[in-house]
Protein backbone atom coordinates (compact mmCIF):
# COMPACT_ATOMS: atom_id res chain seq x y z
CA UNK A 1 0.10 -0.11 -0.28
CA UNK A 2 0.89 3.42 -0.97
CA UNK A 3 2.61 5.85 2.37
CA UNK A 4 0.01 8.90 1.98
CA UNK A 5 -2.45 5.55 0.94
CA UNK A 6 -1.91 4.77 4.26
CA UNK A 7 -1.35 8.39 6.31
CA UNK A 8 -5.30 9.11 4.30
CA UNK A 9 -6.70 6.41 5.46
CA UNK A 10 -5.29 6.74 9.25
CA UNK A 11 -4.62 9.78 10.06
CA UNK A 12 -6.14 12.39 7.23
CA UNK A 13 -9.78 11.35 7.15
CA UNK A 14 -10.39 11.22 11.09
CA UNK A 15 -8.63 14.29 11.11
CA UNK A 16 -10.92 16.18 8.29
CA UNK A 17 -14.00 14.32 10.27
CA UNK A 18 -13.34 16.17 13.42
CA UNK A 19 -12.57 19.49 11.52
CA UNK A 20 -15.94 19.25 9.69
CA UNK A 21 -18.16 17.31 12.14
CA UNK A 22 -18.25 14.21 10.28
CA UNK A 23 -20.01 11.04 11.74
CA UNK A 24 -19.21 9.16 8.51
CA UNK A 25 -16.08 8.17 6.97
CA UNK A 26 -17.27 7.89 3.31
CA UNK A 27 -18.41 12.08 3.46
CA UNK A 28 -14.97 13.06 3.79
CA UNK A 29 -13.57 13.53 0.53
CA UNK A 30 -11.12 11.53 -1.23
CA UNK A 31 -8.82 11.74 -4.47
CA UNK A 32 -10.32 10.58 -7.60
CA UNK A 33 -7.34 11.02 -10.16
CA UNK A 34 -4.08 13.32 -10.77
CA UNK A 35 -4.05 14.40 -14.29
CA UNK A 36 -0.52 15.21 -15.85
CA UNK A 37 -0.11 17.14 -19.03
CA UNK A 38 2.90 18.56 -21.33
CA UNK A 39 1.83 20.83 -23.81
CA UNK A 40 4.79 20.34 -26.81
CA UNK A 41 4.02 23.09 -29.35
CA UNK A 42 6.63 23.35 -31.57
CA UNK A 43 9.26 20.69 -30.48
CA UNK A 44 6.43 17.43 -31.56
CA UNK A 45 8.14 18.65 -34.85
CA UNK A 46 11.11 16.15 -34.10
CA UNK A 47 9.79 12.97 -33.02
CA UNK A 48 13.47 12.12 -31.01
CA UNK A 49 12.28 15.17 -29.09
CA UNK A 50 8.71 14.19 -28.54
CA UNK A 51 9.90 10.58 -27.27
CA UNK A 52 12.59 11.97 -24.58
CA UNK A 53 9.58 14.20 -23.36
CA UNK A 54 7.15 11.20 -23.56
CA UNK A 55 9.76 8.41 -21.48
CA UNK A 56 10.94 11.67 -19.40
CA UNK A 57 7.07 11.88 -18.13
CA UNK A 58 7.08 8.09 -18.21
CA UNK A 59 9.73 8.04 -15.78
CA UNK A 60 8.66 10.49 -13.31
CA UNK A 61 4.94 9.23 -13.35
CA UNK A 62 5.43 5.62 -13.52
CA UNK A 63 3.12 5.20 -16.22
CA UNK A 64 3.28 5.41 -20.22
CA UNK A 65 2.15 8.61 -21.19
CA UNK A 66 -0.34 9.16 -24.05
CA UNK A 67 0.51 10.91 -27.23
CA UNK A 68 -2.46 13.73 -28.06
CA UNK A 69 -3.40 15.02 -31.40
CA UNK A 70 -4.50 18.43 -32.64
CA UNK A 71 -8.05 17.87 -33.54
CA UNK A 72 -7.88 20.87 -36.51
CA UNK A 73 -5.86 22.94 -37.86
CA UNK A 74 -4.64 25.92 -36.69
CA UNK A 75 -2.77 28.21 -38.62
CA UNK A 76 -1.22 30.76 -35.56
CA UNK A 77 0.02 28.66 -33.65
CA UNK A 78 1.52 25.93 -36.96
CA UNK A 79 -0.83 23.46 -35.85
CA UNK A 80 -1.51 21.03 -38.40
CA UNK A 81 -4.80 18.81 -37.93
CA UNK A 82 -3.65 15.36 -36.33
CA UNK A 83 -0.30 16.54 -35.42
CA UNK A 84 0.91 15.83 -31.65
CA UNK A 85 0.63 18.61 -29.47
CA UNK A 86 0.64 17.15 -26.00
CA UNK A 87 1.03 14.62 -23.37
CA UNK A 88 -1.02 13.90 -20.64
CA UNK A 89 -0.98 10.62 -18.80
CA UNK A 90 -3.78 10.19 -15.55
CA UNK A 91 -2.64 8.56 -12.60
CA UNK A 92 -5.22 6.91 -10.26
CA UNK A 93 -4.94 4.54 -7.08
CA UNK A 94 -2.07 3.56 -5.73
CA UNK A 95 0.21 5.52 -8.72
CA UNK A 96 -1.95 8.87 -8.08
CA UNK A 97 -0.81 8.22 -4.09
CA UNK A 98 2.44 7.20 -4.50
CA UNK A 99 3.26 9.99 -7.10
CA UNK A 100 1.83 12.40 -4.94
CA UNK A 101 4.13 11.74 -1.86
CA UNK A 102 6.99 12.12 -4.13
CA UNK A 103 6.14 15.94 -5.52
CA UNK A 104 5.06 17.01 -2.28
CA UNK A 105 7.76 15.49 -0.04
CA UNK A 106 10.74 15.54 -2.98
CA UNK A 107 9.98 17.18 -5.93
CA UNK A 108 8.12 20.46 -4.67
CA UNK A 109 11.03 21.55 -2.26
CA UNK A 110 13.67 21.40 -4.98
CA UNK A 111 11.97 24.43 -6.96
CA UNK A 112 14.34 26.97 -6.80
CA UNK A 113 13.25 30.33 -4.64
CA UNK A 114 9.78 28.81 -3.26
CA UNK A 115 7.59 30.23 -2.09
CA UNK A 116 4.96 28.12 -1.85
CA UNK A 117 1.81 27.22 -4.04
CA UNK A 118 -1.33 29.23 -4.32
CA UNK A 119 -4.29 28.45 -2.82
CA UNK A 120 -6.00 30.52 -5.94
CA UNK A 121 -5.89 27.91 -8.41
CA UNK A 122 -9.04 25.58 -6.84
CA UNK A 123 -12.45 25.51 -9.01
CA UNK A 124 -15.71 25.66 -7.98
CA UNK A 125 -16.08 21.53 -7.89
CA UNK A 126 -12.82 21.27 -6.21
CA UNK A 127 -10.12 20.47 -8.22
CA UNK A 128 -6.66 22.17 -7.61
CA UNK A 129 -4.42 23.27 -10.88
CA UNK A 130 -1.07 24.00 -11.40
CA UNK A 131 2.08 24.21 -13.39
CA UNK A 132 5.56 23.17 -13.24
CA UNK A 133 8.03 25.21 -15.42
CA UNK A 134 11.14 23.01 -15.35
CA UNK A 135 10.57 19.02 -15.19
CA UNK A 136 14.42 19.24 -13.67
CA UNK A 137 12.59 19.76 -9.77
CA UNK A 138 12.69 15.40 -10.18
CA UNK A 139 15.19 13.39 -9.06
CA UNK A 140 14.43 10.82 -11.89
CA UNK A 141 15.60 13.34 -14.63
CA UNK A 142 18.94 12.78 -15.87
CA UNK A 143 19.41 16.08 -17.00
CA UNK A 144 22.17 15.51 -19.08
CA UNK A 145 20.55 13.33 -21.32
CA UNK A 146 17.38 15.62 -21.64
CA UNK A 147 16.97 17.23 -25.09
CA UNK A 148 14.78 19.83 -24.17
CA UNK A 149 13.78 21.44 -21.43
CA UNK A 150 9.87 21.64 -20.94
CA UNK A 151 7.26 22.40 -17.89
CA UNK A 152 4.05 20.66 -17.74
CA UNK A 153 0.33 21.34 -15.32
CA UNK A 154 -0.80 19.07 -13.07
CA UNK A 155 -4.91 18.82 -12.13
CA UNK A 156 -5.92 16.95 -8.83
CA UNK A 157 -9.53 16.06 -9.22
CA UNK A 158 -11.27 15.20 -5.65
CA UNK A 159 -15.24 14.65 -5.27
CA UNK A 160 -15.07 17.33 -2.05
CA UNK A 161 -17.67 19.64 -4.27
CA UNK A 162 -16.14 22.61 -2.77
CA UNK A 163 -12.88 25.05 -3.31
CA UNK A 164 -12.50 25.48 0.60
CA UNK A 165 -12.84 21.57 1.42
CA UNK A 166 -10.82 20.45 -1.47
CA UNK A 167 -7.95 23.41 0.36
CA UNK A 168 -8.74 21.21 3.60
CA UNK A 169 -8.13 18.20 2.46
CA UNK A 170 -4.88 18.90 0.81
CA UNK A 171 -3.71 21.10 3.31
CA UNK A 172 -4.17 18.22 5.65
CA UNK A 173 -2.22 15.73 2.69
CA UNK A 174 0.95 18.28 3.20
CA UNK A 175 0.15 20.75 0.08
CA UNK A 176 2.43 23.44 0.91
CA UNK A 177 0.59 26.33 0.51
CA UNK A 178 1.00 30.04 0.30
CA UNK A 179 1.18 31.91 4.01
CA UNK A 180 -1.99 34.12 3.67
CA UNK A 181 -1.08 37.82 3.75
CA UNK A 182 -1.79 40.18 6.34
C-alpha cells in the first residue's frame, strides 16, 4: 500500500471528520485522479524530442504517457490536424498516491526560490491545478540526457464539491500553500 494512502486512511480521514464534524467516513472527500499534462508545441516536429519528453514523463509518473493529437488545424499556432500537440498521463489509485507523495515530499521542495503554491487555483468543484516550469525538480530525470526542457500542468481531481473543502483536504495531505498575506 502506498505510504500516503495509509496516512490518508489513518490520520487525514479522522482529522477531516473532526474539522467538519462528520459522523461517517464516507462523507470525507477523496482524491479521484491526478492528470499530468505537457504541451509540446513546436517541439513536436522532432520525433526524438517527442519521445524524450514521453520517456521523461513516464519516469516521473511511473506510467506510460499518451500522445494527444490536434483535433483541427490552427494556423496561428502552426498546428496541423492530427499532429502531436501534447502528452498526458492520468494516474489513479496506488500510482496516484505514490506520485503525490514524491511530488509533495521530494520534488516541490527542490524548486528554487519556492514561496508556496497558490491557494487561488481551485475551481468550484474542488479540483486543484498548478504548473511546474521545469522537469528538473524531479530526481528521476537525468538532465544530461534531456533533449529539451519543458514544464507541465498538474490537475488534482477531488470529489470535495467546493474549493474550501478541497483546500482543507490538500492542506492535511501536506501541500505547501503560500502563507496568507496580512
